[in-house]
Amino acid sequence: MGIKAFFKKAFSDMKEDAKAQHEVDKASFNATKAEAKANWEEAKALGKSETRKKVMQAKRDEQIEEANERQAEAEARIVNCKK
């Protein structure tokens, strides 16, 4: 393989790599753009009091459920210790 063929292959490989990287960058940019729009829409929705109340109630329900599970586990440990 001559020097001319070597450089031709090297530049061809670089061109293919640049195209592939461009596709990755484009997909990443579109994902970031979609995430930013989703964040904006969520923030806008939380500006409404009824939406914010629903979200806060869901968080409270989740915390209550978690606390009840922890309480049940603690009571089971107490029962096991008394045996």
PDB file of N, CA and C in Angstrom:
ATOM      1  N   MET A   1       0.847  -1.163   0.000  1.00  0.00           N
ATOM      2  CA  MET A   1       0.000   0.000   0.000  1.00  0.00           C
ATOM      3  C   MET A   1       0.895   1.230   0.000  1.00  0.00           C
ATOM      4  N   GLY A   2       0.615   2.102  -0.922  1.00  0.00           N
ATOM      5  CA  GLY A   2       1.417   3.308  -1.040  1.00  0.00           C
ATOM      6  C   GLY A   2       0.963   4.380  -0.066  1.00  0.00           C
ATOM      7  N   ILE A   3       1.733   5.421   0.014  1.00  0.00           N
ATOM      8  CA  ILE A   3       1.442   6.521   0.930  1.00  0.00           C
ATOM      9  C   ILE A   3       0.146   7.230   0.541  1.00  0.00           C
ATOM     10  N   LYS A   4      -0.089   7.326  -0.769  1.00  0.00           N
ATOM     11  CA  LYS A   4      -1.304   7.979  -1.243  1.00  0.00           C
ATOM     12  C   LYS A   4      -2.531   7.188  -0.804  1.00  0.00           C
ATOM     13  N   ALA A   5      -2.482   5.877  -0.938  1.00  0.00           N
ATOM     14  CA  ALA A   5      -3.601   5.022  -0.537  1.00  0.00           C
ATOM     15  C   ALA A   5      -3.802   5.072   0.980  1.00  0.00           C
ATOM     16  N   PHE A   6      -2.692   5.136   1.711  1.00  0.00           N
ATOM     17  CA  PHE A   6      -2.765   5.211   3.166  1.00  0.00           C
ATOM     18  C   PHE A   6      -3.522   6.465   3.605  1.00  0.00           C
ATOM     19  N   PHE A   7      -3.145   7.618   3.060  1.00  0.00           N
ATOM     20  CA  PHE A   7      -3.809   8.863   3.435  1.00  0.00           C
ATOM     21  C   PHE A   7      -5.258   8.904   2.958  1.00  0.00           C
ATOM     22  N   LYS A   8      -5.510   8.330   1.785  1.00  0.00           N
ATOM     23  CA  LYS A   8      -6.881   8.286   1.283  1.00  0.00           C
ATOM     24  C   LYS A   8      -7.767   7.480   2.231  1.00  0.00           C
ATOM     25  N   LYS A   9      -7.266   6.336   2.693  1.00  0.00           N
ATOM     26  CA  LYS A   9      -8.022   5.502   3.640  1.00  0.00           C
ATOM     27  C   LYS A   9      -8.169   6.210   4.983  1.00  0.00           C
ATOM     28  N   ALA A  10      -7.115   6.864   5.441  1.00  0.00           N
ATOM     29  CA  ALA A  10      -7.158   7.559   6.734  1.00  0.00           C
ATOM     30  C   ALA A  10      -8.193   8.681   6.700  1.00  0.00           C
ATOM     31  N   PHE A  11      -8.188   9.485   5.647  1.00  0.00           N
ATOM     32  CA  PHE A  11      -9.148  10.576   5.555  1.00  0.00           C
ATOM     33  C   PHE A  11     -10.571  10.062   5.381  1.00  0.00           C
ATOM     34  N   SER A  12     -10.723   8.951   4.688  1.00  0.00           N
ATOM     35  CA  SER A  12     -12.041   8.347   4.531  1.00  0.00           C
ATOM     36  C   SER A  12     -12.565   7.877   5.890  1.00  0.00           C
ATOM     37  N   ASP A  13     -11.692   7.262   6.683  1.00  0.00           N
ATOM     38  CA  ASP A  13     -12.085   6.817   8.026  1.00  0.00           C
ATOM     39  C   ASP A  13     -12.461   8.007   8.908  1.00  0.00           C
ATOM     40  N   MET A  14     -11.698   9.083   8.830  1.00  0.00           N
ATOM     41  CA  MET A  14     -12.004  10.273   9.628  1.00  0.00           C
ATOM     42  C   MET A  14     -13.351  10.860   9.223  1.00  0.00           C
ATOM     43  N   LYS A  15     -13.654  10.847   7.931  1.00  0.00           N
ATOM     44  CA  LYS A  15     -14.924  11.370   7.447  1.00  0.00           C
ATOM     45  C   LYS A  15     -16.086  10.544   7.995  1.00  0.00           C
ATOM     46  N   GLU A  16     -15.936   9.219   7.976  1.00  0.00           N
ATOM     47  CA  GLU A  16     -16.983   8.346   8.507  1.00  0.00           C
ATOM     48  C   GLU A  16     -17.167   8.564  10.008  1.00  0.00           C
ATOM     49  N   ASP A  17     -16.044   8.690  10.730  1.00  0.00           N
ATOM     50  CA  ASP A  17     -16.119   8.937  12.168  1.00  0.00           C
ATOM     51  C   ASP A  17     -16.792  10.279  12.462  1.00  0.00           C
ATOM     52  N   ALA A  18     -16.500  11.292  11.670  1.00  0.00           N
ATOM     53  CA  ALA A  18     -17.110  12.600  11.868  1.00  0.00           C
ATOM     54  C   ALA A  18     -18.619  12.534  11.630  1.00  0.00           C
ATOM     55  N   LYS A  19     -19.040  11.786  10.617  1.00  0.00           N
ATOM     56  CA  LYS A  19     -20.472  11.630  10.344  1.00  0.00           C
ATOM     57  C   LYS A  19     -21.157  10.911  11.499  1.00  0.00           C
ATOM     58  N   ALA A  20     -20.526   9.849  11.996  1.00  0.00           N
ATOM     59  CA  ALA A  20     -21.105   9.092  13.107  1.00  0.00           C
ATOM     60  C   ALA A  20     -21.199   9.965  14.361  1.00  0.00           C
ATOM     61  N   GLN A  21     -20.155  10.733  14.644  1.00  0.00           N
ATOM     62  CA  GLN A  21     -20.171  11.611  15.808  1.00  0.00           C
ATOM     63  C   GLN A  21     -21.227  12.692  15.658  1.00  0.00           C
ATOM     64  N   HIS A  22     -21.427  13.164  14.454  1.00  0.00           N
ATOM     65  CA  HIS A  22     -22.463  14.168  14.202  1.00  0.00           C
ATOM     66  C   HIS A  22     -23.838  13.603  14.532  1.00  0.00           C
ATOM     67  N   GLU A  23     -24.083  12.358  14.170  1.00  0.00           N
ATOM     68  CA  GLU A  23     -25.361  11.716  14.471  1.00  0.00           C
ATOM     69  C   GLU A  23     -25.547  11.598  15.983  1.00  0.00           C
ATOM     70  N   VAL A  24     -24.483  11.234  16.685  1.00  0.00           N
ATOM     71  CA  VAL A  24     -24.556  11.130  18.148  1.00  0.00           C
ATOM     72  C   VAL A  24     -24.851  12.497  18.755  1.00  0.00           C
ATOM     73  N   ASP A  25     -24.146  13.510  18.290  1.00  0.00           N
ATOM     74  CA  ASP A  25     -24.347  14.864  18.803  1.00  0.00           C
ATOM     75  C   ASP A  25     -25.763  15.364  18.533  1.00  0.00           C
ATOM     76  N   LYS A  26     -26.268  15.062  17.341  1.00  0.00           N
ATOM     77  CA  LYS A  26     -27.612  15.499  16.973  1.00  0.00           C
ATOM     78  C   LYS A  26     -28.654  14.821  17.865  1.00  0.00           C
ATOM     79  N   ALA A  27     -28.483  13.514  18.110  1.00  0.00           N
ATOM     80  CA  ALA A  27     -29.420  12.797  18.976  1.00  0.00           C
ATOM     81  C   ALA A  27     -29.346  13.322  20.411  1.00  0.00           C
ATOM     82  N   SER A  28     -28.153  13.589  20.882  1.00  0.00           N
ATOM     83  CA  SER A  28     -27.976  14.124  22.230  1.00  0.00           C
ATOM     84  C   SER A  28     -28.614  15.507  22.360  1.00  0.00           C
ATOM     85  N   PHE A  29     -28.429  16.342  21.355  1.00  0.00           N
ATOM     86  CA  PHE A  29     -29.018  17.677  21.358  1.00  0.00           C
ATOM     87  C   PHE A  29     -30.540  17.597  21.399  1.00  0.00           C
ATOM     88  N   ASN A  30     -31.113  16.715  20.575  1.00  0.00           N
ATOM     89  CA  ASN A  30     -32.569  16.572  20.549  1.00  0.00           C
ATOM     90  C   ASN A  30     -33.100  16.064  21.883  1.00  0.00           C
ATOM     91  N   ALA A  31     -32.367  15.146  22.527  1.00  0.00           N
ATOM     92  CA  ALA A  31     -32.783  14.638  23.835  1.00  0.00           C
ATOM     93  C   ALA A  31     -32.737  15.749  24.880  1.00  0.00           C
ATOM     94  N   THR A  32     -31.682  16.546  24.864  1.00  0.00           N
ATOM     95  CA  THR A  32     -31.550  17.657  25.812  1.00  0.00           C
ATOM     96  C   THR A  32     -32.651  18.679  25.590  1.00  0.00           C
ATOM     97  N   LYS A  33     -32.949  18.943  24.345  1.00  0.00           N
ATOM     98  CA  LYS A  33     -34.006  19.896  24.006  1.00  0.00           C
ATOM     99  C   LYS A  33     -35.363  19.401  24.513  1.00  0.00           C
ATOM    100  N   ALA A  34     -35.635  18.106  24.337  1.00  0.00           N
ATOM    101  CA  ALA A  34     -36.899  17.533  24.799  1.00  0.00           C
ATOM    102  C   ALA A  34     -36.978  17.562  26.326  1.00  0.00           C
ATOM    103  N   GLU A  35     -35.866  17.275  26.996  1.00  0.00           N
ATOM    104  CA  GLU A  35     -35.849  17.317  28.461  1.00  0.00           C
ATOM    105  C   GLU A  35     -36.111  18.735  28.965  1.00  0.00           C
ATOM    106  N   ALA A  36     -35.514  19.716  28.309  1.00  0.00           N
ATOM    107  CA  ALA A  36     -35.722  21.108  28.712  1.00  0.00           C
ATOM    108  C   ALA A  36     -37.186  21.503  28.545  1.00  0.00           C
ATOM    109  N   LYS A  37     -37.798  21.073  27.451  1.00  0.00           N
ATOM    110  CA  LYS A  37     -39.208  21.388  27.230  1.00  0.00           C
ATOM    111  C   LYS A  37     -40.085  20.697  28.278  1.00  0.00           C
ATOM    112  N   ALA A  38     -39.735  19.444  28.611  1.00  0.00           N
ATOM    113  CA  ALA A  38     -40.495  18.725  29.633  1.00  0.00           C
ATOM    114  C   ALA A  38     -40.371  19.424  30.985  1.00  0.00           C
ATOM    115  N   ASN A  39     -39.165  19.869  31.319  1.00  0.00           N
ATOM    116  CA  ASN A  39     -38.966  20.596  32.579  1.00  0.00           C
ATOM    117  C   ASN A  39     -39.796  21.881  32.594  1.00  0.00           C
ATOM    118  N   TRP A  40     -39.819  22.575  31.481  1.00  0.00           N
ATOM    119  CA  TRP A  40     -40.585  23.813  31.380  1.00  0.00           C
ATOM    120  C   TRP A  40     -42.077  23.540  31.574  1.00  0.00           C
ATOM    121  N   GLU A  41     -42.581  22.507  30.906  1.00  0.00           N
ATOM    122  CA  GLU A  41     -44.005  22.174  31.010  1.00  0.00           C
ATOM    123  C   GLU A  41     -44.367  21.761  32.439  1.00  0.00           C
ATOM    124  N   GLU A  42     -43.464  21.001  33.090  1.00  0.00           N
ATOM    125  CA  GLU A  42     -43.723  20.603  34.473  1.00  0.00           C
ATOM    126  C   GLU A  42     -43.759  21.832  35.378  1.00  0.00           C
ATOM    127  N   ALA A  43     -42.814  22.739  35.193  1.00  0.00           N
ATOM    128  CA  ALA A  43     -42.775  23.949  36.005  1.00  0.00           C
ATOM    129  C   ALA A  43     -44.022  24.792  35.767  1.00  0.00           C
ATOM    130  N   LYS A  44     -44.443  24.868  34.522  1.00  0.00           N
ATOM    131  CA  LYS A  44     -45.639  25.641  34.178  1.00  0.00           C
ATOM    132  C   LYS A  44     -46.877  24.999  34.809  1.00  0.00           C
ATOM    133  N   ALA A  45     -46.929  23.660  34.790  1.00  0.00           N
ATOM    134  CA  ALA A  45     -48.075  22.958  35.372  1.00  0.00           C
ATOM    135  C   ALA A  45     -48.113  23.132  36.889  1.00  0.00           C
ATOM    136  N   LEU A  46     -46.945  23.160  37.519  1.00  0.00           N
ATOM    137  CA  LEU A  46     -46.911  23.336  38.973  1.00  0.00           C
ATOM    138  C   LEU A  46     -47.293  24.752  39.379  1.00  0.00           C
ATOM    139  N   GLY A  47     -47.320  25.658  38.440  1.00  0.00           N
ATOM    140  CA  GLY A  47     -47.770  27.013  38.718  1.00  0.00           C
ATOM    141  C   GLY A  47     -49.262  27.070  38.999  1.00  0.00           C
ATOM    142  N   LYS A  48     -49.984  26.074  38.522  1.00  0.00           N
ATOM    143  CA  LYS A  48     -51.424  25.996  38.773  1.00  0.00           C
ATOM    144  C   LYS A  48     -51.636  25.342  40.140  1.00  0.00           C
ATOM    145  N   SER A  49     -52.466  25.931  40.941  1.00  0.00           N
ATOM    146  CA  SER A  49     -52.637  25.446  42.312  1.00  0.00           C
ATOM    147  C   SER A  49     -53.217  24.037  42.374  1.00  0.00           C
ATOM    148  N   GLU A  50     -54.153  23.698  41.500  1.00  0.00           N
ATOM    149  CA  GLU A  50     -54.754  22.360  41.561  1.00  0.00           C
ATOM    150  C   GLU A  50     -53.736  21.273  41.198  1.00  0.00           C
ATOM    151  N   THR A  51     -52.873  21.541  40.244  1.00  0.00           N
ATOM    152  CA  THR A  51     -51.840  20.578  39.869  1.00  0.00           C
ATOM    153  C   THR A  51     -50.830  20.420  40.999  1.00  0.00           C
ATOM    154  N   ARG A  52     -50.435  21.542  41.587  1.00  0.00           N
ATOM    155  CA  ARG A  52     -49.470  21.505  42.680  1.00  0.00           C
ATOM    156  C   ARG A  52     -50.041  20.732  43.868  1.00  0.00           C
ATOM    157  N   LYS A  53     -51.323  20.939  44.159  1.00  0.00           N
ATOM    158  CA  LYS A  53     -51.962  20.218  45.262  1.00  0.00           C
ATOM    159  C   LYS A  53     -51.961  18.715  45.014  1.00  0.00           C
ATOM    160  N   LYS A  54     -52.239  18.303  43.773  1.00  0.00           N
ATOM    161  CA  LYS A  54     -52.250  16.881  43.446  1.00  0.00           C
ATOM    162  C   LYS A  54     -50.856  16.268  43.615  1.00  0.00           C
ATOM    163  N   VAL A  55     -49.846  16.989  43.155  1.00  0.00           N
ATOM    164  CA  VAL A  55     -48.472  16.488  43.266  1.00  0.00           C
ATOM    165  C   VAL A  55     -48.062  16.378  44.734  1.00  0.00           C
ATOM    166  N   MET A  56     -48.372  17.402  45.508  1.00  0.00           N
ATOM    167  CA  MET A  56     -48.013  17.383  46.922  1.00  0.00           C
ATOM    168  C   MET A  56     -48.756  16.272  47.661  1.00  0.00           C
ATOM    169  N   GLN A  57     -50.029  16.051  47.331  1.00  0.00           N
ATOM    170  CA  GLN A  57     -50.792  14.983  47.978  1.00  0.00           C
ATOM    171  C   GLN A  57     -50.208  13.624  47.620  1.00  0.00           C
ATOM    172  N   ALA A  58     -49.789  13.440  46.384  1.00  0.00           N
ATOM    173  CA  ALA A  58     -49.178  12.183  45.969  1.00  0.00           C
ATOM    174  C   ALA A  58     -47.882  11.936  46.743  1.00  0.00           C
ATOM    175  N   LYS A  59     -47.085  12.989  46.937  1.00  0.00           N
ATOM    176  CA  LYS A  59     -45.847  12.844  47.717  1.00  0.00           C
ATOM    177  C   LYS A  59     -46.164  12.480  49.166  1.00  0.00           C
ATOM    178  N   ARG A  60     -47.168  13.133  49.740  1.00  0.00           N
ATOM    179  CA  ARG A  60     -47.539  12.829  51.125  1.00  0.00           C
ATOM    180  C   ARG A  60     -48.036  11.398  51.247  1.00  0.00           C
ATOM    181  N   ASP A  61     -48.834  10.946  50.295  1.00  0.00           N
ATOM    182  CA  ASP A  61     -49.334   9.566  50.322  1.00  0.00           C
ATOM    183  C   ASP A  61     -48.173   8.576  50.250  1.00  0.00           C
ATOM    184  N   GLU A  62     -47.201   8.876  49.422  1.00  0.00           N
ATOM    185  CA  GLU A  62     -46.032   8.011  49.291  1.00  0.00           C
ATOM    186  C   GLU A  62     -45.250   7.961  50.611  1.00  0.00           C
ATOM    187  N   GLN A  63     -45.084   9.114  51.247  1.00  0.00           N
ATOM    188  CA  GLN A  63     -44.359   9.162  52.516  1.00  0.00           C
ATOM    189  C   GLN A  63     -45.113   8.405  53.604  1.00  0.00           C
ATOM    190  N   ILE A  64     -46.431   8.512  53.626  1.00  0.00           N
ATOM    191  CA  ILE A  64     -47.233   7.780  54.608  1.00  0.00           C
ATOM    192  C   ILE A  64     -47.092   6.281  54.396  1.00  0.00           C
ATOM    193  N   GLU A  65     -47.152   5.861  53.143  1.00  0.00           N
ATOM    194  CA  GLU A  65     -47.014   4.443  52.816  1.00  0.00           C
ATOM    195  C   GLU A  65     -45.646   3.923  53.257  1.00  0.00           C
ATOM    196  N   GLU A  66     -44.610   4.687  53.003  1.00  0.00           N
ATOM    197  CA  GLU A  66     -43.265   4.292  53.399  1.00  0.00           C
ATOM    198  C   GLU A  66     -43.145   4.201  54.922  1.00  0.00           C
ATOM    199  N   ALA A  67     -43.725   5.156  55.633  1.00  0.00           N
ATOM    200  CA  ALA A  67     -43.688   5.146  57.100  1.00  0.00           C
ATOM    201  C   ALA A  67     -44.444   3.936  57.654  1.00  0.00           C
ATOM    202  N   ASN A  68     -45.567   3.595  57.042  1.00  0.00           N
ATOM    203  CA  ASN A  68     -46.332   2.422  57.485  1.00  0.00           C
ATOM    204  C   ASN A  68     -45.532   1.140  57.269  1.00  0.00           C
ATOM    205  N   GLU A  69     -44.820   1.040  56.161  1.00  0.00           N
ATOM    206  CA  GLU A  69     -43.991  -0.131  55.897  1.00  0.00           C
ATOM    207  C   GLU A  69     -42.871  -0.243  56.929  1.00  0.00           C
ATOM    208  N   ARG A  70     -42.235   0.896  57.236  1.00  0.00           N
ATOM    209  CA  ARG A  70     -41.164   0.884  58.236  1.00  0.00           C
ATOM    210  C   ARG A  70     -41.709   0.481  59.603  1.00  0.00           C
ATOM    211  N   GLN A  71     -42.905   0.956  59.924  1.00  0.00           N
ATOM    212  CA  GLN A  71     -43.515   0.615  61.197  1.00  0.00           C
ATOM    213  C   GLN A  71     -43.808  -0.884  61.264  1.00  0.00           C
ATOM    214  N   ALA A  72     -44.327  -1.451  60.177  1.00  0.00           N
ATOM    215  CA  ALA A  72     -44.633  -2.881  60.139  1.00  0.00           C
ATOM    216  C   ALA A  72     -43.357  -3.707  60.281  1.00  0.00           C
ATOM    217  N   GLU A  73     -42.283  -3.285  59.636  1.00  0.00           N
ATOM    218  CA  GLU A  73     -41.012  -4.005  59.760  1.00  0.00           C
ATOM    219  C   GLU A  73     -40.478  -3.945  61.188  1.00  0.00           C
ATOM    220  N   ALA A  74     -40.603  -2.781  61.823  1.00  0.00           N
ATOM    221  CA  ALA A  74     -40.137  -2.633  63.206  1.00  0.00           C
ATOM    222  C   ALA A  74     -40.956  -3.514  64.141  1.00  0.00           C
ATOM    223  N   GLU A  75     -42.263  -3.549  63.942  1.00  0.00           N
ATOM    224  CA  GLU A  75     -43.107  -4.391  64.786  1.00  0.00           C
ATOM    225  C   GLU A  75     -42.780  -5.861  64.589  1.00  0.00           C
ATOM    226  N   ALA A  76     -42.459  -6.266  63.362  1.00  0.00           N
ATOM    227  CA  ALA A  76     -42.071  -7.659  63.102  1.00  0.00           C
ATOM    228  C   ALA A  76     -40.757  -7.987  63.804  1.00  0.00           C
ATOM    229  N   ARG A  77     -39.833  -7.049  63.817  1.00  0.00           N
ATOM    230  CA  ARG A  77     -38.564  -7.271  64.517  1.00  0.00           C
ATOM    231  C   ARG A  77     -38.792  -7.402  66.019  1.00  0.00           C
ATOM    232  N   ILE A  78     -39.708  -6.603  66.545  1.00  0.00           N
ATOM    233  CA  ILE A  78     -40.015  -6.679  67.979  1.00  0.00           C
ATOM    234  C   ILE A  78     -40.606  -8.049  68.326  1.00  0.00           C
ATOM    235  N   VAL A  79     -41.516  -8.528  67.491  1.00  0.00           N
ATOM    236  CA  VAL A  79     -42.119  -9.826  67.722  1.00  0.00           C
ATOM    237  C   VAL A  79     -41.066 -10.927  67.670  1.00  0.00           C
ATOM    238  N   ASN A  80     -40.120 -10.830  66.716  1.00  0.00           N
ATOM    239  CA  ASN A  80     -39.073 -11.840  66.592  1.00  0.00           C
ATOM    240  C   ASN A  80     -38.164 -11.838  67.805  1.00  0.00           C
ATOM    241  N   CYS A  81     -37.911 -10.691  68.385  1.00  0.00           N
ATOM    242  CA  CYS A  81     -37.039 -10.600  69.556  1.00  0.00           C
ATOM    243  C   CYS A  81     -37.704 -11.198  70.793  1.00  0.00           C
ATOM    244  N   LYS A  82     -39.026 -11.151  70.890  1.00  0.00           N
ATOM    245  CA  LYS A  82     -39.732 -11.646  72.054  1.00  0.00           C
ATOM    246  C   LYS A  82     -39.911 -13.157  72.031  1.00  0.00           C
ATOM    247  N   LYS A  83     -39.638 -13.795  70.923  1.00  0.00           N
ATOM    248  CA  LYS A  83     -39.806 -15.256  70.816  1.00  0.00           C
ATOM    249  C   LYS A  83     -38.736 -16.005  71.541  1.00  0.00           C
TER     250      LYS A  83
END
